Amino acid sequence: MDAQAWDQRYAASDLVWSREPNQFVAAELGDLPPGTAVDLAAGEGRNAIWLASRGWKAHAVDFSQVALDKGAQAADGLDVTWTCADATRWQPDEPVDLVVMAYFQVPADDRRRAVRGAHAMLRPGGTLLLVAHDSTNIAEGTGGPQDPSVLMTAEDVLADLDGLEVEVVRAERVAREVSRSDEHGGEERRTAWDCLVRAVRR
């Protein structure tokens, strides 16, 4: 799906995603001391806004200007910079403390470029957190993309990081309980399967 199609999707409703941060983003990052953060493929910026509300200097990057405009309005003065760019190729001017990739569902070559680009953004000691719809979700879970080419496993992401200076903190499949109102389209009281990778640049 291209930027124009996403612009149309974001323009068609008040919010495509929830106002709250992703549950795994909140659980994994809640104890990190604030610093500088990049939210790649941020959409309406719910994770960037949450980080900024906790004292982070956040940068939200997405190729949908409509989504970013909605996020900027919702941010209500919080310290978030909004950049319309290709999140698989964009780089910040200076190293950052954290990169979040939440449900950045793209084909493998684009994912690998984005993951390795995210690693390059980090200062030594900086954290990369990736959460995505897992490859097993089509057969075993509910909701999410039904195109296997944009799904992944934690092992896929670790392979993307192969050869880079990184310490893996967590890499596994995780369960996410969804309801009929869930933004990823799950059926009521069903389990969706995500992959989660948390790593620190050495």
Protein backbone atom coordinates (compact mmCIF):
# COMPACT_ATOMS: atom_id res chain seq x y z
CA MET A 1 0.00 0.00 0.00
CA ASP A 2 1.44 3.38 -0.98
CA ALA A 3 1.44 6.72 0.82
CA GLN A 4 -1.58 8.01 -1.07
CA ALA A 5 -3.64 4.97 -0.10
CA TRP A 6 -2.66 5.43 3.54
CA ASP A 7 -3.51 9.14 3.33
CA GLN A 8 -6.99 8.13 2.19
CA ARG A 9 -7.33 5.58 4.97
CA TYR A 10 -6.24 8.06 7.64
CA ALA A 11 -8.52 10.76 6.22
CA ALA A 12 -11.55 8.47 6.32
CA SER A 13 -11.83 8.23 10.12
CA ASP A 14 -11.14 10.11 13.32
CA LEU A 15 -8.37 7.72 14.38
CA VAL A 16 -7.25 4.55 12.59
CA TRP A 17 -5.34 3.36 15.67
CA SER A 18 -6.06 3.94 19.34
CA ARG A 19 -4.98 6.97 21.33
CA GLU A 20 -3.14 4.74 23.80
CA PRO A 21 0.36 3.39 23.13
CA ASN A 22 0.81 -0.18 22.02
CA GLN A 23 0.72 -2.41 25.11
CA PHE A 24 4.15 -3.91 24.45
CA VAL A 25 5.72 -0.50 23.84
CA ALA A 26 4.37 0.69 27.19
CA ALA A 27 5.42 -2.47 29.03
CA GLU A 28 8.93 -2.67 27.58
CA LEU A 29 9.83 1.02 27.66
CA GLY A 30 8.02 2.36 30.71
CA ASP A 31 11.10 2.12 32.91
CA LEU A 32 13.63 3.62 30.47
CA PRO A 33 14.94 7.06 31.43
CA PRO A 34 13.80 9.71 28.95
CA GLY A 35 16.09 10.69 26.09
CA THR A 36 15.72 11.03 22.34
CA ALA A 37 13.47 8.62 20.45
CA VAL A 38 12.39 7.85 16.89
CA ASP A 39 9.04 6.23 16.12
CA LEU A 40 9.38 4.72 12.63
CA ALA A 41 6.22 4.30 10.55
CA ALA A 42 4.53 6.19 13.37
CA GLY A 43 1.12 6.62 11.75
CA GLU A 44 -0.84 9.00 13.96
CA GLY A 45 2.00 8.91 16.46
CA ARG A 46 0.38 7.26 19.46
CA ASN A 47 3.70 5.79 20.65
CA ALA A 48 5.64 8.99 19.99
CA ILE A 49 3.02 11.00 21.88
CA TRP A 50 3.18 8.56 24.80
CA LEU A 51 6.96 8.82 24.91
CA ALA A 52 6.81 12.62 24.80
CA SER A 53 4.29 12.60 27.65
CA ARG A 54 6.92 10.76 29.70
CA GLY A 55 9.64 13.32 29.01
CA TRP A 56 11.16 11.97 25.81
CA LYS A 57 12.13 14.17 22.87
CA ALA A 58 10.32 12.16 20.21
CA HIS A 59 10.52 12.11 16.42
CA ALA A 60 7.63 10.55 14.49
CA VAL A 61 8.38 9.46 10.91
CA ASP A 62 5.78 8.24 8.43
CA PHE A 63 5.04 8.53 4.72
CA SER A 64 1.45 9.68 5.33
CA GLN A 65 1.24 13.43 5.86
CA VAL A 66 -2.44 13.05 6.79
CA ALA A 67 -1.53 10.73 9.66
CA LEU A 68 1.23 13.03 10.87
CA ASP A 69 -1.06 16.06 10.79
CA LYS A 70 -3.59 14.21 12.91
CA GLY A 71 -0.86 13.17 15.32
CA ALA A 72 0.48 16.70 15.62
CA GLN A 73 -3.00 17.92 16.51
CA ALA A 74 -3.39 15.18 19.14
CA ALA A 75 0.06 15.86 20.62
CA ASP A 76 -1.23 19.12 22.12
CA GLY A 77 2.14 20.83 22.53
CA LEU A 78 4.19 17.79 23.54
CA ASP A 79 7.78 17.55 22.30
CA VAL A 80 7.25 15.58 19.08
CA THR A 81 8.79 16.38 15.71
CA TRP A 82 6.75 15.16 12.74
CA THR A 83 8.54 14.15 9.52
CA CYS A 84 6.96 12.86 6.31
CA ALA A 85 9.52 10.48 4.81
CA ASP A 86 10.19 6.90 3.75
CA ALA A 87 10.73 5.19 7.10
CA THR A 88 12.82 2.45 5.46
CA ARG A 89 15.48 5.00 4.45
CA TRP A 90 15.21 8.07 6.71
CA GLN A 91 18.01 8.84 9.18
CA PRO A 92 18.14 11.44 11.97
CA ASP A 93 20.78 14.17 12.12
CA GLU A 94 22.20 12.80 15.38
CA PRO A 95 22.22 9.41 17.14
CA VAL A 96 19.23 8.67 19.37
CA ASP A 97 18.57 6.67 22.54
CA LEU A 98 15.57 4.69 21.28
CA VAL A 99 13.99 3.52 18.05
CA VAL A 100 10.46 2.06 18.05
CA MET A 101 9.14 0.02 15.12
CA ALA A 102 5.55 -0.93 15.91
CA TYR A 103 3.59 -2.89 13.28
CA PHE A 104 5.89 -1.74 10.48
CA GLN A 105 4.63 -4.45 8.10
CA VAL A 106 6.63 -4.34 4.87
CA PRO A 107 8.23 -6.99 2.61
CA ALA A 108 11.43 -8.63 3.83
CA ASP A 109 13.91 -6.52 1.85
CA ASP A 110 12.31 -3.29 3.04
CA ARG A 111 12.12 -4.61 6.60
CA ARG A 112 15.79 -5.55 6.60
CA ARG A 113 16.78 -2.11 5.34
CA ALA A 114 14.59 -0.44 7.98
CA VAL A 115 15.86 -2.63 10.83
CA ARG A 116 19.49 -2.09 9.93
CA GLY A 117 18.77 1.61 9.46
CA ALA A 118 17.20 1.72 12.92
CA HIS A 119 20.32 0.15 14.39
CA ALA A 120 22.42 2.82 12.65
CA MET A 121 20.34 5.55 14.30
CA LEU A 122 21.19 4.39 17.81
CA ARG A 123 23.99 5.63 19.97
CA PRO A 124 25.94 2.87 21.80
CA GLY A 125 23.66 1.69 24.60
CA GLY A 126 20.54 2.76 22.72
CA THR A 127 17.49 0.50 22.50
CA LEU A 128 15.65 -0.87 19.47
CA LEU A 129 12.14 -2.19 20.09
CA LEU A 130 10.26 -3.91 17.27
CA VAL A 131 6.74 -5.28 17.62
CA ALA A 132 4.95 -6.72 14.60
CA HIS A 133 2.28 -9.14 13.48
CA ASP A 134 3.91 -12.57 13.62
CA SER A 135 4.02 -14.93 10.65
CA THR A 136 2.00 -17.48 12.63
CA ASN A 137 -0.87 -15.06 13.18
CA ILE A 138 -2.62 -15.93 9.90
CA ALA A 139 -3.11 -19.58 10.84
CA GLU A 140 -3.14 -19.36 14.64
CA GLY A 141 -4.30 -15.85 15.54
CA THR A 142 -6.77 -13.21 14.50
CA GLY A 143 -6.77 -9.88 12.69
CA GLY A 144 -3.77 -8.16 11.17
CA PRO A 145 -2.47 -8.36 7.59
CA GLN A 146 -3.31 -11.53 5.69
CA ASP A 147 -0.35 -11.18 3.31
CA PRO A 148 2.45 -13.51 4.47
CA SER A 149 5.08 -11.40 2.68
CA VAL A 150 4.71 -8.55 5.22
CA LEU A 151 4.66 -10.75 8.32
CA MET A 152 7.73 -11.83 10.25
CA THR A 153 9.11 -13.77 13.19
CA ALA A 154 11.57 -12.70 15.86
CA GLU A 155 14.09 -14.96 14.14
CA ASP A 156 13.63 -13.01 10.90
CA VAL A 157 14.39 -9.76 12.69
CA LEU A 158 17.46 -11.24 14.37
CA ALA A 159 18.66 -12.33 10.94
CA ASP A 160 18.20 -8.74 9.76
CA LEU A 161 20.53 -7.66 12.58
CA ASP A 162 23.14 -10.31 11.83
CA GLY A 163 26.68 -8.95 11.82
CA LEU A 164 25.80 -5.75 13.70
CA GLU A 165 26.99 -4.84 17.19
CA VAL A 166 23.90 -5.65 19.20
CA GLU A 167 22.89 -7.33 22.48
CA VAL A 168 19.52 -9.08 22.25
CA VAL A 169 17.45 -8.50 25.38
CA ARG A 170 14.29 -10.27 24.22
CA ALA A 171 13.24 -12.00 21.01
CA GLU A 172 10.08 -14.11 20.99
CA ARG A 173 6.49 -14.58 19.91
CA VAL A 174 4.01 -12.86 22.23
CA ALA A 175 0.26 -13.11 22.68
CA ARG A 176 -2.02 -10.08 22.45
CA GLU A 177 -5.65 -10.42 23.50
CA VAL A 178 -7.95 -8.56 21.14
CA SER A 179 -11.61 -7.62 21.12
CA ARG A 180 -14.06 -6.67 18.40
CA SER A 181 -13.08 -3.02 18.86
CA ASP A 182 -9.34 -3.68 18.52
CA GLU A 183 -7.67 -1.51 15.89
CA HIS A 184 -6.16 -4.55 14.18
CA GLY A 185 -9.52 -6.10 13.42
CA GLY A 186 -9.55 -9.08 15.74
CA GLU A 187 -12.64 -11.09 16.55
CA GLU A 188 -14.05 -10.83 20.05
CA ARG A 189 -11.95 -12.52 22.79
CA ARG A 190 -9.35 -13.95 20.46
CA THR A 191 -5.57 -14.13 20.69
CA ALA A 192 -3.38 -12.39 18.12
CA TRP A 193 0.26 -13.39 17.80
CA ASP A 194 2.99 -10.78 17.52
CA CYS A 195 6.75 -10.97 17.42
CA LEU A 196 8.78 -8.81 19.77
CA VAL A 197 12.47 -7.99 19.57
CA ARG A 198 14.23 -5.74 22.03
CA ALA A 199 17.93 -5.14 21.48
CA VAL A 200 20.63 -2.74 22.62
CA ARG A 201 23.34 -1.37 20.37
CA ARG A 202 26.79 -2.13 21.70
